[in-house]
């Protein structure tokens, strides 16, 4: 199974930059958000991993 890691990032422009850098270096990436506990706010992050069982 692939080990996935997250980088929390508030700014959409910063998330786009992170995605570009990680993808150009061979990582599979996605941008996502998850709800913070019971509040109505979200934590935005970039998730990345190496495909094919190669360690990070």
PDB file of N, CA and C in Angstrom:
ATOM      1  N   UNK A   1       0.838  -1.183   0.000  1.00  0.00           N
ATOM      2  CA  UNK A   1       0.000   0.000   0.000  1.00  0.00           C
ATOM      3  C   UNK A   1       0.880   1.242   0.000  1.00  0.00           C
ATOM      4  N   UNK A   2       0.425   2.272  -0.674  1.00  0.00           N
ATOM      5  CA  UNK A   2       1.185   3.509  -0.774  1.00  0.00           C
ATOM      6  C   UNK A   2       1.006   4.352   0.483  1.00  0.00           C
ATOM      7  N   UNK A   3       2.121   4.871   0.996  1.00  0.00           N
ATOM      8  CA  UNK A   3       2.067   5.749   2.158  1.00  0.00           C
ATOM      9  C   UNK A   3       1.746   7.159   1.686  1.00  0.00           C
ATOM     10  N   UNK A   4       0.661   7.715   2.165  1.00  0.00           N
ATOM     11  CA  UNK A   4       0.244   9.056   1.760  1.00  0.00           C
ATOM     12  C   UNK A   4       0.563  10.049   2.865  1.00  0.00           C
ATOM     13  N   UNK A   5       1.015  11.214   2.455  1.00  0.00           N
ATOM     14  CA  UNK A   5       1.360  12.271   3.399  1.00  0.00           C
ATOM     15  C   UNK A   5       0.569  13.523   3.055  1.00  0.00           C
ATOM     16  N   UNK A   6       0.360  14.375   4.070  1.00  0.00           N
ATOM     17  CA  UNK A   6      -0.417  15.604   3.885  1.00  0.00           C
ATOM     18  C   UNK A   6       0.404  16.813   4.269  1.00  0.00           C
ATOM     19  N   UNK A   7       0.210  17.891   3.515  1.00  0.00           N
ATOM     20  CA  UNK A   7       0.786  19.189   3.854  1.00  0.00           C
ATOM     21  C   UNK A   7      -0.383  20.164   3.969  1.00  0.00           C
ATOM     22  N   UNK A   8      -0.629  20.679   5.167  1.00  0.00           N
ATOM     23  CA  UNK A   8      -1.691  21.678   5.356  1.00  0.00           C
ATOM     24  C   UNK A   8      -1.263  22.988   4.711  1.00  0.00           C
ATOM     25  N   UNK A   9      -2.214  23.612   4.011  1.00  0.00           N
ATOM     26  CA  UNK A   9      -1.886  24.847   3.306  1.00  0.00           C
ATOM     27  C   UNK A   9      -3.159  25.669   3.125  1.00  0.00           C
ATOM     28  N   UNK A  10      -3.159  26.890   3.643  1.00  0.00           N
ATOM     29  CA  UNK A  10      -4.342  27.739   3.613  1.00  0.00           C
ATOM     30  C   UNK A  10      -4.564  28.369   2.238  1.00  0.00           C
ATOM     31  N   UNK A  11      -3.523  28.887   1.645  1.00  0.00           N
ATOM     32  CA  UNK A  11      -3.631  29.636   0.393  1.00  0.00           C
ATOM     33  C   UNK A  11      -3.793  28.718  -0.821  1.00  0.00           C
ATOM     34  N   UNK A  12      -4.793  29.018  -1.659  1.00  0.00           N
ATOM     35  CA  UNK A  12      -5.015  28.229  -2.879  1.00  0.00           C
ATOM     36  C   UNK A  12      -3.824  28.326  -3.825  1.00  0.00           C
ATOM     37  N   UNK A  13      -3.212  29.494  -3.915  1.00  0.00           N
ATOM     38  CA  UNK A  13      -2.038  29.660  -4.788  1.00  0.00           C
ATOM     39  C   UNK A  13      -0.870  28.813  -4.285  1.00  0.00           C
ATOM     40  N   UNK A  14      -0.690  28.740  -2.984  1.00  0.00           N
ATOM     41  CA  UNK A  14       0.375  27.909  -2.424  1.00  0.00           C
ATOM     42  C   UNK A  14       0.111  26.423  -2.668  1.00  0.00           C
ATOM     43  N   UNK A  15      -1.149  26.011  -2.560  1.00  0.00           N
ATOM     44  CA  UNK A  15      -1.490  24.614  -2.854  1.00  0.00           C
ATOM     45  C   UNK A  15      -1.195  24.291  -4.312  1.00  0.00           C
ATOM     46  N   UNK A  16      -1.530  25.195  -5.223  1.00  0.00           N
ATOM     47  CA  UNK A  16      -1.233  24.978  -6.643  1.00  0.00           C
ATOM     48  C   UNK A  16       0.265  24.842  -6.876  1.00  0.00           C
ATOM     49  N   UNK A  17       1.054  25.667  -6.211  1.00  0.00           N
ATOM     50  CA  UNK A  17       2.511  25.602  -6.344  1.00  0.00           C
ATOM     51  C   UNK A  17       3.043  24.273  -5.811  1.00  0.00           C
ATOM     52  N   UNK A  18       2.544  23.840  -4.664  1.00  0.00           N
ATOM     53  CA  UNK A  18       2.965  22.556  -4.102  1.00  0.00           C
ATOM     54  C   UNK A  18       2.631  21.400  -5.037  1.00  0.00           C
ATOM     55  N   UNK A  19       1.435  21.413  -5.612  1.00  0.00           N
ATOM     56  CA  UNK A  19       1.028  20.356  -6.534  1.00  0.00           C
ATOM     57  C   UNK A  19       1.974  20.307  -7.728  1.00  0.00           C
ATOM     58  N   UNK A  20       2.305  21.458  -8.281  1.00  0.00           N
ATOM     59  CA  UNK A  20       3.205  21.520  -9.433  1.00  0.00           C
ATOM     60  C   UNK A  20       4.578  20.963  -9.094  1.00  0.00           C
ATOM     61  N   UNK A  21       5.137  21.390  -7.978  1.00  0.00           N
ATOM     62  CA  UNK A  21       6.470  20.933  -7.577  1.00  0.00           C
ATOM     63  C   UNK A  21       6.484  19.424  -7.342  1.00  0.00           C
ATOM     64  N   UNK A  22       5.505  18.928  -6.598  1.00  0.00           N
ATOM     65  CA  UNK A  22       5.465  17.496  -6.291  1.00  0.00           C
ATOM     66  C   UNK A  22       5.240  16.653  -7.545  1.00  0.00           C
ATOM     67  N   UNK A  23       4.336  17.077  -8.412  1.00  0.00           N
ATOM     68  CA  UNK A  23       4.053  16.320  -9.637  1.00  0.00           C
ATOM     69  C   UNK A  23       5.278  16.274 -10.545  1.00  0.00           C
ATOM     70  N   UNK A  24       6.002  17.375 -10.656  1.00  0.00           N
ATOM     71  CA  UNK A  24       7.205  17.406 -11.495  1.00  0.00           C
ATOM     72  C   UNK A  24       8.316  16.522 -10.930  1.00  0.00           C
ATOM     73  N   UNK A  25       8.224  16.185  -9.652  1.00  0.00           N
ATOM     74  CA  UNK A  25       9.218  15.315  -9.027  1.00  0.00           C
ATOM     75  C   UNK A  25       8.731  13.876  -8.884  1.00  0.00           C
ATOM     76  N   UNK A  26       7.684  13.532  -9.632  1.00  0.00           N
ATOM     77  CA  UNK A  26       7.252  12.147  -9.725  1.00  0.00           C
ATOM     78  C   UNK A  26       6.256  11.661  -8.701  1.00  0.00           C
ATOM     79  N   UNK A  27       5.665  12.553  -7.950  1.00  0.00           N
ATOM     80  CA  UNK A  27       4.670  12.154  -6.966  1.00  0.00           C
ATOM     81  C   UNK A  27       3.262  12.243  -7.550  1.00  0.00           C
ATOM     82  N   UNK A  28       2.389  11.365  -7.087  1.00  0.00           N
ATOM     83  CA  UNK A  28       0.962  11.496  -7.366  1.00  0.00           C
ATOM     84  C   UNK A  28       0.424  12.444  -6.301  1.00  0.00           C
ATOM     85  N   UNK A  29      -0.405  13.407  -6.694  1.00  0.00           N
ATOM     86  CA  UNK A  29      -0.869  14.430  -5.753  1.00  0.00           C
ATOM     87  C   UNK A  29      -2.355  14.693  -5.912  1.00  0.00           C
ATOM     88  N   UNK A  30      -2.927  15.241  -4.855  1.00  0.00           N
ATOM     89  CA  UNK A  30      -4.310  15.728  -4.918  1.00  0.00           C
ATOM     90  C   UNK A  30      -4.501  16.815  -3.888  1.00  0.00           C
ATOM     91  N   UNK A  31      -5.389  17.736  -4.197  1.00  0.00           N
ATOM     92  CA  UNK A  31      -5.790  18.768  -3.250  1.00  0.00           C
ATOM     93  C   UNK A  31      -7.113  18.338  -2.641  1.00  0.00           C
ATOM     94  N   UNK A  32      -7.268  18.594  -1.355  1.00  0.00           N
ATOM     95  CA  UNK A  32      -8.513  18.192  -0.697  1.00  0.00           C
ATOM     96  C   UNK A  32      -8.768  19.080   0.516  1.00  0.00           C
ATOM     97  N   UNK A  33      -9.903  18.837   1.139  1.00  0.00           N
ATOM     98  CA  UNK A  33     -10.247  19.533   2.375  1.00  0.00           C
ATOM     99  C   UNK A  33     -10.954  18.550   3.277  1.00  0.00           C
ATOM    100  N   UNK A  34     -10.845  18.791   4.591  1.00  0.00           N
ATOM    101  CA  UNK A  34     -11.579  17.988   5.554  1.00  0.00           C
ATOM    102  C   UNK A  34     -12.101  18.898   6.646  1.00  0.00           C
ATOM    103  N   UNK A  35     -13.240  18.532   7.175  1.00  0.00           N
ATOM    104  CA  UNK A  35     -13.887  19.324   8.195  1.00  0.00           C
ATOM    105  C   UNK A  35     -13.104  19.264   9.498  1.00  0.00           C
ATOM    106  N   UNK A  36     -13.022  20.377  10.178  1.00  0.00           N
ATOM    107  CA  UNK A  36     -12.348  20.460  11.478  1.00  0.00           C
ATOM    108  C   UNK A  36     -13.325  20.119  12.585  1.00  0.00           C
ATOM    109  N   UNK A  37     -13.251  18.931  13.083  1.00  0.00           N
ATOM    110  CA  UNK A  37     -14.100  18.521  14.211  1.00  0.00           C
ATOM    111  C   UNK A  37     -15.570  18.818  13.974  1.00  0.00           C
ATOM    112  N   UNK A  38     -16.182  19.525  14.922  1.00  0.00           N
ATOM    113  CA  UNK A  38     -17.611  19.823  14.818  1.00  0.00           C
ATOM    114  C   UNK A  38     -17.884  21.211  14.261  1.00  0.00           C
ATOM    115  N   UNK A  39     -16.821  21.988  13.977  1.00  0.00           N
ATOM    116  CA  UNK A  39     -17.030  23.343  13.455  1.00  0.00           C
ATOM    117  C   UNK A  39     -17.385  23.294  11.968  1.00  0.00           C
ATOM    118  N   UNK A  40     -17.754  24.442  11.435  1.00  0.00           N
ATOM    119  CA  UNK A  40     -18.138  24.521  10.023  1.00  0.00           C
ATOM    120  C   UNK A  40     -16.953  24.869   9.127  1.00  0.00           C
ATOM    121  N   UNK A  41     -15.766  25.014   9.692  1.00  0.00           N
ATOM    122  CA  UNK A  41     -14.586  25.376   8.893  1.00  0.00           C
ATOM    123  C   UNK A  41     -13.860  24.123   8.396  1.00  0.00           C
ATOM    124  N   UNK A  42     -13.014  24.321   7.402  1.00  0.00           N
ATOM    125  CA  UNK A  42     -12.288  23.227   6.775  1.00  0.00           C
ATOM    126  C   UNK A  42     -10.789  23.443   6.858  1.00  0.00           C
ATOM    127  N   UNK A  43     -10.050  22.351   6.854  1.00  0.00           N
ATOM    128  CA  UNK A  43      -8.602  22.363   6.716  1.00  0.00           C
ATOM    129  C   UNK A  43      -8.304  21.951   5.285  1.00  0.00           C
ATOM    130  N   UNK A  44      -7.572  22.790   4.555  1.00  0.00           N
ATOM    131  CA  UNK A  44      -7.201  22.494   3.181  1.00  0.00           C
ATOM    132  C   UNK A  44      -5.789  21.930   3.169  1.00  0.00           C
ATOM    133  N   UNK A  45      -5.547  20.943   2.305  1.00  0.00           N
ATOM    134  CA  UNK A  45      -4.240  20.314   2.276  1.00  0.00           C
ATOM    135  C   UNK A  45      -3.930  19.748   0.898  1.00  0.00           C
ATOM    136  N   UNK A  46      -2.643  19.431   0.711  1.00  0.00           N
ATOM    137  CA  UNK A  46      -2.166  18.715  -0.470  1.00  0.00           C
ATOM    138  C   UNK A  46      -1.714  17.348   0.026  1.00  0.00           C
ATOM    139  N   UNK A  47      -2.211  16.306  -0.593  1.00  0.00           N
ATOM    140  CA  UNK A  47      -1.832  14.944  -0.247  1.00  0.00           C
ATOM    141  C   UNK A  47      -0.957  14.405  -1.369  1.00  0.00           C
ATOM    142  N   UNK A  48       0.129  13.713  -1.018  1.00  0.00           N
ATOM    143  CA  UNK A  48       1.032  13.196  -2.047  1.00  0.00           C
ATOM    144  C   UNK A  48       1.556  11.814  -1.674  1.00  0.00           C
ATOM    145  N   UNK A  49       1.946  11.040  -2.692  1.00  0.00           N
ATOM    146  CA  UNK A  49       2.473   9.692  -2.499  1.00  0.00           C
ATOM    147  C   UNK A  49       3.210   9.251  -3.756  1.00  0.00           C
ATOM    148  N   UNK A  50       4.078   8.255  -3.577  1.00  0.00           N
ATOM    149  CA  UNK A  50       4.777   7.630  -4.699  1.00  0.00           C
ATOM    150  C   UNK A  50       3.986   6.384  -5.081  1.00  0.00           C
ATOM    151  N   UNK A  51       3.689   6.235  -6.336  1.00  0.00           N
ATOM    152  CA  UNK A  51       2.954   5.046  -6.782  1.00  0.00           C
ATOM    153  C   UNK A  51       3.936   3.928  -7.103  1.00  0.00           C
ATOM    154  N   UNK A  52       3.430   2.704  -7.087  1.00  0.00           N
ATOM    155  CA  UNK A  52       4.249   1.562  -7.437  1.00  0.00           C
ATOM    156  C   UNK A  52       5.049   0.990  -6.288  1.00  0.00           C
ATOM    157  N   UNK A  53       4.680   1.323  -5.058  1.00  0.00           N
ATOM    158  CA  UNK A  53       5.332   0.728  -3.901  1.00  0.00           C
ATOM    159  C   UNK A  53       6.704   1.284  -3.574  1.00  0.00           C
ATOM    160  N   UNK A  54       7.134   2.345  -4.229  1.00  0.00           N
ATOM    161  CA  UNK A  54       8.437   2.939  -3.918  1.00  0.00           C
ATOM    162  C   UNK A  54       8.293   3.786  -2.650  1.00  0.00           C
ATOM    163  N   UNK A  55       9.210   3.650  -1.696  1.00  0.00           N
ATOM    164  CA  UNK A  55       9.095   4.437  -0.469  1.00  0.00           C
ATOM    165  C   UNK A  55       9.320   5.918  -0.714  1.00  0.00           C
ATOM    166  N   UNK A  56       8.744   6.750   0.142  1.00  0.00           N
ATOM    167  CA  UNK A  56       8.901   8.203   0.025  1.00  0.00           C
ATOM    168  C   UNK A  56      10.283   8.650   0.423  1.00  0.00           C
TER     169      UNK A  56
END
